[in-house]
Amino acid sequence: MIEEKVVEKTGEIVLGAAIDKLNAYKNKKEWSKLFIDAGEFFLQQVEGGDNIVEDMSNLLSRENMKESAKKTDEGSRY
């Protein structure tokens, strides 16, 4: 009787872990597909797709992010 409960509980734990792992894998694949699809959309469907990628690269550059952080810090005076 105790052995059956241990086996049952062990099965529940293993099944729960497997489900969690599968969900994590599914979510990772969904995010990956979203980024790939978005990139393909910008490059194939939008006129000037190369310009969008360049603009995004400039927007997210180290220097621009530092400047944005500085402006945010200056503007958030409580």
PDB file of N, CA and C in Angstrom:
ATOM      1  N   MET A   1       0.821  -1.192   0.000  1.00  0.00           N
ATOM      2  CA  MET A   1       0.000   0.000   0.000  1.00  0.00           C
ATOM      3  C   MET A   1       0.864   1.255   0.000  1.00  0.00           C
ATOM      4  N   ILE A   2       1.836   1.333   0.885  1.00  0.00           N
ATOM      5  CA  ILE A   2       2.729   2.489   0.913  1.00  0.00           C
ATOM      6  C   ILE A   2       3.540   2.546  -0.371  1.00  0.00           C
ATOM      7  N   GLU A   3       3.960   1.364  -0.842  1.00  0.00           N
ATOM      8  CA  GLU A   3       4.750   1.313  -2.074  1.00  0.00           C
ATOM      9  C   GLU A   3       3.946   1.832  -3.258  1.00  0.00           C
ATOM     10  N   GLU A   4       2.661   1.509  -3.305  1.00  0.00           N
ATOM     11  CA  GLU A   4       1.803   1.992  -4.387  1.00  0.00           C
ATOM     12  C   GLU A   4       1.686   3.510  -4.355  1.00  0.00           C
ATOM     13  N   LYS A   5       1.562   4.062  -3.161  1.00  0.00           N
ATOM     14  CA  LYS A   5       1.460   5.519  -3.031  1.00  0.00           C
ATOM     15  C   LYS A   5       2.756   6.199  -3.448  1.00  0.00           C
ATOM     16  N   VAL A   6       3.898   5.573  -3.097  1.00  0.00           N
ATOM     17  CA  VAL A   6       5.197   6.130  -3.487  1.00  0.00           C
ATOM     18  C   VAL A   6       5.333   6.106  -5.003  1.00  0.00           C
ATOM     19  N   VAL A   7       4.939   4.980  -5.599  1.00  0.00           N
ATOM     20  CA  VAL A   7       5.012   4.866  -7.061  1.00  0.00           C
ATOM     21  C   VAL A   7       4.079   5.881  -7.715  1.00  0.00           C
ATOM     22  N   GLU A   8       2.874   6.018  -7.171  1.00  0.00           N
ATOM     23  CA  GLU A   8       1.910   6.978  -7.717  1.00  0.00           C
ATOM     24  C   GLU A   8       2.438   8.403  -7.610  1.00  0.00           C
ATOM     25  N   LYS A   9       2.972   8.765  -6.443  1.00  0.00           N
ATOM     26  CA  LYS A   9       3.494  10.122  -6.242  1.00  0.00           C
ATOM     27  C   LYS A   9       4.692  10.382  -7.153  1.00  0.00           C
ATOM     28  N   THR A  10       5.558   9.364  -7.285  1.00  0.00           N
ATOM     29  CA  THR A  10       6.719   9.490  -8.164  1.00  0.00           C
ATOM     30  C   THR A  10       6.264   9.719  -9.603  1.00  0.00           C
ATOM     31  N   GLY A  11       5.245   8.973 -10.016  1.00  0.00           N
ATOM     32  CA  GLY A  11       4.689   9.151 -11.362  1.00  0.00           C
ATOM     33  C   GLY A  11       4.148  10.550 -11.569  1.00  0.00           C
ATOM     34  N   GLU A  12       3.468  11.085 -10.564  1.00  0.00           N
ATOM     35  CA  GLU A  12       2.933  12.447 -10.660  1.00  0.00           C
ATOM     36  C   GLU A  12       4.056  13.470 -10.793  1.00  0.00           C
ATOM     37  N   ILE A  13       5.109  13.274 -10.022  1.00  0.00           N
ATOM     38  CA  ILE A  13       6.247  14.211 -10.069  1.00  0.00           C
ATOM     39  C   ILE A  13       6.923  14.161 -11.427  1.00  0.00           C
ATOM     40  N   VAL A  14       7.157  12.951 -11.935  1.00  0.00           N
ATOM     41  CA  VAL A  14       7.814  12.802 -13.244  1.00  0.00           C
ATOM     42  C   VAL A  14       6.932  13.381 -14.340  1.00  0.00           C
ATOM     43  N   LEU A  15       5.645  13.088 -14.294  1.00  0.00           N
ATOM     44  CA  LEU A  15       4.723  13.616 -15.307  1.00  0.00           C
ATOM     45  C   LEU A  15       4.671  15.140 -15.247  1.00  0.00           C
ATOM     46  N   GLY A  16       4.617  15.699 -14.037  1.00  0.00           N
ATOM     47  CA  GLY A  16       4.605  17.152 -13.893  1.00  0.00           C
ATOM     48  C   GLY A  16       5.868  17.792 -14.451  1.00  0.00           C
ATOM     49  N   ALA A  17       7.005  17.185 -14.173  1.00  0.00           N
ATOM     50  CA  ALA A  17       8.271  17.712 -14.687  1.00  0.00           C
ATOM     51  C   ALA A  17       8.313  17.628 -16.204  1.00  0.00           C
ATOM     52  N   ALA A  18       7.808  16.523 -16.754  1.00  0.00           N
ATOM     53  CA  ALA A  18       7.797  16.364 -18.213  1.00  0.00           C
ATOM     54  C   ALA A  18       6.894  17.409 -18.862  1.00  0.00           C
ATOM     55  N   ILE A  19       5.744  17.651 -18.272  1.00  0.00           N
ATOM     56  CA  ILE A  19       4.819  18.658 -18.808  1.00  0.00           C
ATOM     57  C   ILE A  19       5.455  20.044 -18.745  1.00  0.00           C
ATOM     58  N   ASP A  20       6.099  20.373 -17.631  1.00  0.00           N
ATOM     59  CA  ASP A  20       6.780  21.665 -17.506  1.00  0.00           C
ATOM     60  C   ASP A  20       7.853  21.824 -18.570  1.00  0.00           C
ATOM     61  N   LYS A  21       8.625  20.766 -18.798  1.00  0.00           N
ATOM     62  CA  LYS A  21       9.705  20.809 -19.785  1.00  0.00           C
ATOM     63  C   LYS A  21       9.137  21.003 -21.193  1.00  0.00           C
ATOM     64  N   LEU A  22       8.062  20.281 -21.509  1.00  0.00           N
ATOM     65  CA  LEU A  22       7.436  20.424 -22.823  1.00  0.00           C
ATOM     66  C   LEU A  22       6.864  21.824 -23.023  1.00  0.00           C
ATOM     67  N   ASN A  23       6.247  22.383 -21.992  1.00  0.00           N
ATOM     68  CA  ASN A  23       5.719  23.750 -22.095  1.00  0.00           C
ATOM     69  C   ASN A  23       6.831  24.762 -22.297  1.00  0.00           C
ATOM     70  N   ALA A  24       7.944  24.593 -21.583  1.00  0.00           N
ATOM     71  CA  ALA A  24       9.082  25.504 -21.747  1.00  0.00           C
ATOM     72  C   ALA A  24       9.624  25.414 -23.167  1.00  0.00           C
ATOM     73  N   TYR A  25       9.732  24.202 -23.695  1.00  0.00           N
ATOM     74  CA  TYR A  25      10.222  24.000 -25.060  1.00  0.00           C
ATOM     75  C   TYR A  25       9.270  24.645 -26.064  1.00  0.00           C
ATOM     76  N   LYS A  26       7.963  24.450 -25.851  1.00  0.00           N
ATOM     77  CA  LYS A  26       6.955  25.028 -26.741  1.00  0.00           C
ATOM     78  C   LYS A  26       7.046  26.554 -26.720  1.00  0.00           C
ATOM     79  N   ASN A  27       7.143  27.143 -25.524  1.00  0.00           N
ATOM     80  CA  ASN A  27       7.233  28.600 -25.412  1.00  0.00           C
ATOM     81  C   ASN A  27       8.485  29.127 -26.090  1.00  0.00           C
ATOM     82  N   LYS A  28       9.598  28.419 -25.916  1.00  0.00           N
ATOM     83  CA  LYS A  28      10.856  28.835 -26.552  1.00  0.00           C
ATOM     84  C   LYS A  28      10.695  28.822 -28.070  1.00  0.00           C
ATOM     85  N   LYS A  29      10.076  27.776 -28.588  1.00  0.00           N
ATOM     86  CA  LYS A  29       9.879  27.669 -30.035  1.00  0.00           C
ATOM     87  C   LYS A  29       8.928  28.753 -30.540  1.00  0.00           C
ATOM     88  N   GLU A  30       7.887  29.068 -29.757  1.00  0.00           N
ATOM     89  CA  GLU A  30       6.942  30.106 -30.171  1.00  0.00           C
ATOM     90  C   GLU A  30       7.622  31.465 -30.240  1.00  0.00           C
ATOM     91  N   TRP A  31       8.456  31.786 -29.230  1.00  0.00           N
ATOM     92  CA  TRP A  31       9.174  33.063 -29.252  1.00  0.00           C
ATOM     93  C   TRP A  31      10.154  33.100 -30.422  1.00  0.00           C
ATOM     94  N   SER A  32      10.843  31.994 -30.651  1.00  0.00           N
ATOM     95  CA  SER A  32      11.795  31.924 -31.749  1.00  0.00           C
ATOM     96  C   SER A  32      11.073  32.163 -33.072  1.00  0.00           C
ATOM     97  N   LYS A  33       9.937  31.502 -33.261  1.00  0.00           N
ATOM     98  CA  LYS A  33       9.168  31.671 -34.498  1.00  0.00           C
ATOM     99  C   LYS A  33       8.674  33.112 -34.633  1.00  0.00           C
ATOM    100  N   LEU A  34       8.232  33.713 -33.534  1.00  0.00           N
ATOM    101  CA  LEU A  34       7.770  35.094 -33.568  1.00  0.00           C
ATOM    102  C   LEU A  34       8.874  36.033 -34.051  1.00  0.00           C
ATOM    103  N   PHE A  35      10.078  35.887 -33.505  1.00  0.00           N
ATOM    104  CA  PHE A  35      11.177  36.756 -33.917  1.00  0.00           C
ATOM    105  C   PHE A  35      11.554  36.522 -35.375  1.00  0.00           C
ATOM    106  N   ILE A  36      11.591  35.270 -35.783  1.00  0.00           N
ATOM    107  CA  ILE A  36      11.937  34.960 -37.175  1.00  0.00           C
ATOM    108  C   ILE A  36      10.880  35.522 -38.113  1.00  0.00           C
ATOM    109  N   ASP A  37       9.609  35.294 -37.782  1.00  0.00           N
ATOM    110  CA  ASP A  37       8.535  35.794 -38.637  1.00  0.00           C
ATOM    111  C   ASP A  37       8.537  37.320 -38.716  1.00  0.00           C
ATOM    112  N   ALA A  38       8.788  37.974 -37.593  1.00  0.00           N
ATOM    113  CA  ALA A  38       8.820  39.440 -37.589  1.00  0.00           C
ATOM    114  C   ALA A  38       9.956  39.948 -38.461  1.00  0.00           C
ATOM    115  N   GLY A  39      11.113  39.323 -38.338  1.00  0.00           N
ATOM    116  CA  GLY A  39      12.258  39.723 -39.164  1.00  0.00           C
ATOM    117  C   GLY A  39      11.971  39.524 -40.636  1.00  0.00           C
ATOM    118  N   GLU A  40      11.379  38.384 -40.982  1.00  0.00           N
ATOM    119  CA  GLU A  40      11.045  38.127 -42.384  1.00  0.00           C
ATOM    120  C   GLU A  40      10.008  39.128 -42.888  1.00  0.00           C
ATOM    121  N   PHE A  41       9.056  39.469 -42.044  1.00  0.00           N
ATOM    122  CA  PHE A  41       8.047  40.459 -42.438  1.00  0.00           C
ATOM    123  C   PHE A  41       8.704  41.779 -42.782  1.00  0.00           C
ATOM    124  N   PHE A  42       9.574  42.263 -41.882  1.00  0.00           N
ATOM    125  CA  PHE A  42      10.219  43.551 -42.127  1.00  0.00           C
ATOM    126  C   PHE A  42      11.083  43.509 -43.376  1.00  0.00           C
ATOM    127  N   LEU A  43      11.751  42.411 -43.586  1.00  0.00           N
ATOM    128  CA  LEU A  43      12.660  42.341 -44.731  1.00  0.00           C
ATOM    129  C   LEU A  43      11.942  42.087 -46.047  1.00  0.00           C
ATOM    130  N   GLN A  44      10.828  41.375 -46.024  1.00  0.00           N
ATOM    131  CA  GLN A  44      10.161  41.009 -47.276  1.00  0.00           C
ATOM    132  C   GLN A  44       8.952  41.872 -47.598  1.00  0.00           C
ATOM    133  N   GLN A  45       8.218  42.315 -46.605  1.00  0.00           N
ATOM    134  CA  GLN A  45       6.941  42.971 -46.855  1.00  0.00           C
ATOM    135  C   GLN A  45       6.998  44.491 -46.788  1.00  0.00           C
ATOM    136  N   VAL A  46       7.886  45.022 -46.016  1.00  0.00           N
ATOM    137  CA  VAL A  46       7.930  46.457 -45.820  1.00  0.00           C
ATOM    138  C   VAL A  46       8.925  47.056 -46.805  1.00  0.00           C
ATOM    139  N   GLU A  47       8.497  48.102 -47.490  1.00  0.00           N
ATOM    140  CA  GLU A  47       9.416  48.797 -48.376  1.00  0.00           C
ATOM    141  C   GLU A  47      10.560  49.359 -47.556  1.00  0.00           C
ATOM    142  N   GLY A  48      11.756  49.189 -48.033  1.00  0.00           N
ATOM    143  CA  GLY A  48      12.918  49.685 -47.303  1.00  0.00           C
ATOM    144  C   GLY A  48      13.221  48.843 -46.080  1.00  0.00           C
ATOM    145  N   GLY A  49      13.012  47.553 -46.147  1.00  0.00           N
ATOM    146  CA  GLY A  49      13.273  46.671 -45.018  1.00  0.00           C
ATOM    147  C   GLY A  49      14.692  46.788 -44.504  1.00  0.00           C
ATOM    148  N   ASP A  50      15.644  46.978 -45.425  1.00  0.00           N
ATOM    149  CA  ASP A  50      17.032  47.149 -45.003  1.00  0.00           C
ATOM    150  C   ASP A  50      17.183  48.397 -44.140  1.00  0.00           C
ATOM    151  N   ASN A  51      16.450  49.440 -44.481  1.00  0.00           N
ATOM    152  CA  ASN A  51      16.513  50.668 -43.690  1.00  0.00           C
ATOM    153  C   ASN A  51      15.945  50.460 -42.295  1.00  0.00           C
ATOM    154  N   ILE A  52      14.897  49.666 -42.186  1.00  0.00           N
ATOM    155  CA  ILE A  52      14.304  49.407 -40.876  1.00  0.00           C
ATOM    156  C   ILE A  52      15.309  48.690 -39.980  1.00  0.00           C
ATOM    157  N   VAL A  53      15.985  47.695 -40.520  1.00  0.00           N
ATOM    158  CA  VAL A  53      16.980  46.961 -39.740  1.00  0.00           C
ATOM    159  C   VAL A  53      18.106  47.889 -39.314  1.00  0.00           C
ATOM    160  N   GLU A  54      18.542  48.746 -40.224  1.00  0.00           N
ATOM    161  CA  GLU A  54      19.606  49.708 -39.890  1.00  0.00           C
ATOM    162  C   GLU A  54      19.131  50.693 -38.834  1.00  0.00           C
ATOM    163  N   ASP A  55      17.900  51.189 -38.982  1.00  0.00           N
ATOM    164  CA  ASP A  55      17.343  52.119 -37.987  1.00  0.00           C
ATOM    165  C   ASP A  55      17.229  51.465 -36.615  1.00  0.00           C
ATOM    166  N   MET A  56      16.769  50.214 -36.598  1.00  0.00           N
ATOM    167  CA  MET A  56      16.651  49.495 -35.321  1.00  0.00           C
ATOM    168  C   MET A  56      18.029  49.283 -34.703  1.00  0.00           C
ATOM    169  N   SER A  57      18.996  48.984 -35.533  1.00  0.00           N
ATOM    170  CA  SER A  57      20.360  48.799 -35.054  1.00  0.00           C
ATOM    171  C   SER A  57      20.895  50.079 -34.435  1.00  0.00           C
ATOM    172  N   ASN A  58      20.637  51.195 -35.092  1.00  0.00           N
ATOM    173  CA  ASN A  58      21.059  52.491 -34.551  1.00  0.00           C
ATOM    174  C   ASN A  58      20.314  52.825 -33.264  1.00  0.00           C
ATOM    175  N   LEU A  59      19.015  52.559 -33.252  1.00  0.00           N
ATOM    176  CA  LEU A  59      18.202  52.840 -32.078  1.00  0.00           C
ATOM    177  C   LEU A  59      18.687  52.049 -30.867  1.00  0.00           C
ATOM    178  N   LEU A  60      19.075  50.806 -31.088  1.00  0.00           N
ATOM    179  CA  LEU A  60      19.496  49.935 -29.989  1.00  0.00           C
ATOM    180  C   LEU A  60      21.009  49.936 -29.762  1.00  0.00           C
ATOM    181  N   SER A  61      21.701  50.860 -30.396  1.00  0.00           N
ATOM    182  CA  SER A  61      23.152  50.910 -30.229  1.00  0.00           C
ATOM    183  C   SER A  61      23.514  51.292 -28.795  1.00  0.00           C
ATOM    184  N   ARG A  62      24.707  50.940 -28.394  1.00  0.00           N
ATOM    185  CA  ARG A  62      25.197  51.207 -27.036  1.00  0.00           C
ATOM    186  C   ARG A  62      25.121  52.701 -26.712  1.00  0.00           C
ATOM    187  N   GLU A  63      25.567  53.524 -27.648  1.00  0.00           N
ATOM    188  CA  GLU A  63      25.598  54.964 -27.419  1.00  0.00           C
ATOM    189  C   GLU A  63      24.182  55.525 -27.256  1.00  0.00           C
ATOM    190  N   ASN A  64      23.272  55.079 -28.127  1.00  0.00           N
ATOM    191  CA  ASN A  64      21.899  55.568 -28.061  1.00  0.00           C
ATOM    192  C   ASN A  64      21.211  55.099 -26.781  1.00  0.00           C
ATOM    193  N   MET A  65      21.467  53.876 -26.367  1.00  0.00           N
ATOM    194  CA  MET A  65      20.864  53.360 -25.133  1.00  0.00           C
ATOM    195  C   MET A  65      21.393  54.119 -23.912  1.00  0.00           C
ATOM    196  N   LYS A  66      22.685  54.468 -23.927  1.00  0.00           N
ATOM    197  CA  LYS A  66      23.249  55.266 -22.832  1.00  0.00           C
ATOM    198  C   LYS A  66      22.565  56.628 -22.765  1.00  0.00           C
ATOM    199  N   GLU A  67      22.374  57.245 -23.926  1.00  0.00           N
ATOM    200  CA  GLU A  67      21.735  58.551 -23.988  1.00  0.00           C
ATOM    201  C   GLU A  67      20.279  58.465 -23.521  1.00  0.00           C
ATOM    202  N   SER A  68      19.581  57.426 -23.942  1.00  0.00           N
ATOM    203  CA  SER A  68      18.190  57.237 -23.517  1.00  0.00           C
ATOM    204  C   SER A  68      18.109  57.037 -22.007  1.00  0.00           C
ATOM    205  N   ALA A  69      19.022  56.254 -21.457  1.00  0.00           N
ATOM    206  CA  ALA A  69      19.044  56.017 -20.009  1.00  0.00           C
ATOM    207  C   ALA A  69      19.309  57.318 -19.266  1.00  0.00           C
ATOM    208  N   LYS A  70      20.211  58.132 -19.808  1.00  0.00           N
ATOM    209  CA  LYS A  70      20.534  59.420 -19.183  1.00  0.00           C
ATOM    210  C   LYS A  70      19.311  60.331 -19.183  1.00  0.00           C
ATOM    211  N   LYS A  71      18.614  60.394 -20.318  1.00  0.00           N
ATOM    212  CA  LYS A  71      17.424  61.241 -20.419  1.00  0.00           C
ATOM    213  C   LYS A  71      16.329  60.738 -19.491  1.00  0.00           C
ATOM    214  N   THR A  72      16.183  59.431 -19.384  1.00  0.00           N
ATOM    215  CA  THR A  72      15.165  58.854 -18.498  1.00  0.00           C
ATOM    216  C   THR A  72      15.484  59.191 -17.064  1.00  0.00           C
ATOM    217  N   ASP A  73      16.752  59.078 -16.704  1.00  0.00           N
ATOM    218  CA  ASP A  73      17.162  59.361 -15.328  1.00  0.00           C
ATOM    219  C   ASP A  73      16.937  60.842 -15.002  1.00  0.00           C
ATOM    220  N   GLU A  74      17.236  61.720 -15.954  1.00  0.00           N
ATOM    221  CA  GLU A  74      17.042  63.145 -15.751  1.00  0.00           C
ATOM    222  C   GLU A  74      15.561  63.496 -15.622  1.00  0.00           C
ATOM    223  N   GLY A  75      14.726  62.777 -16.358  1.00  0.00           N
ATOM    224  CA  GLY A  75      13.303  63.092 -16.381  1.00  0.00           C
ATOM    225  C   GLY A  75      12.519  62.499 -15.232  1.00  0.00           C
ATOM    226  N   SER A  76      13.073  61.553 -14.512  1.00  0.00           N
ATOM    227  CA  SER A  76      12.301  60.889 -13.463  1.00  0.00           C
ATOM    228  C   SER A  76      12.697  61.420 -12.082  1.00  0.00           C
ATOM    229  N   ARG A  77      12.269  62.596 -11.800  1.00  0.00           N
ATOM    230  CA  ARG A  77      12.533  63.233 -10.496  1.00  0.00           C
ATOM    231  C   ARG A  77      11.238  63.228  -9.702  1.00  0.00           C
ATOM    232  N   TYR A  78      11.195  62.437  -8.665  1.00  0.00           N
ATOM    233  CA  TYR A  78       9.983  62.358  -7.859  1.00  0.00           C
ATOM    234  C   TYR A  78      10.069  63.257  -6.675  1.00  0.00           C
TER     235      TYR A  78
END
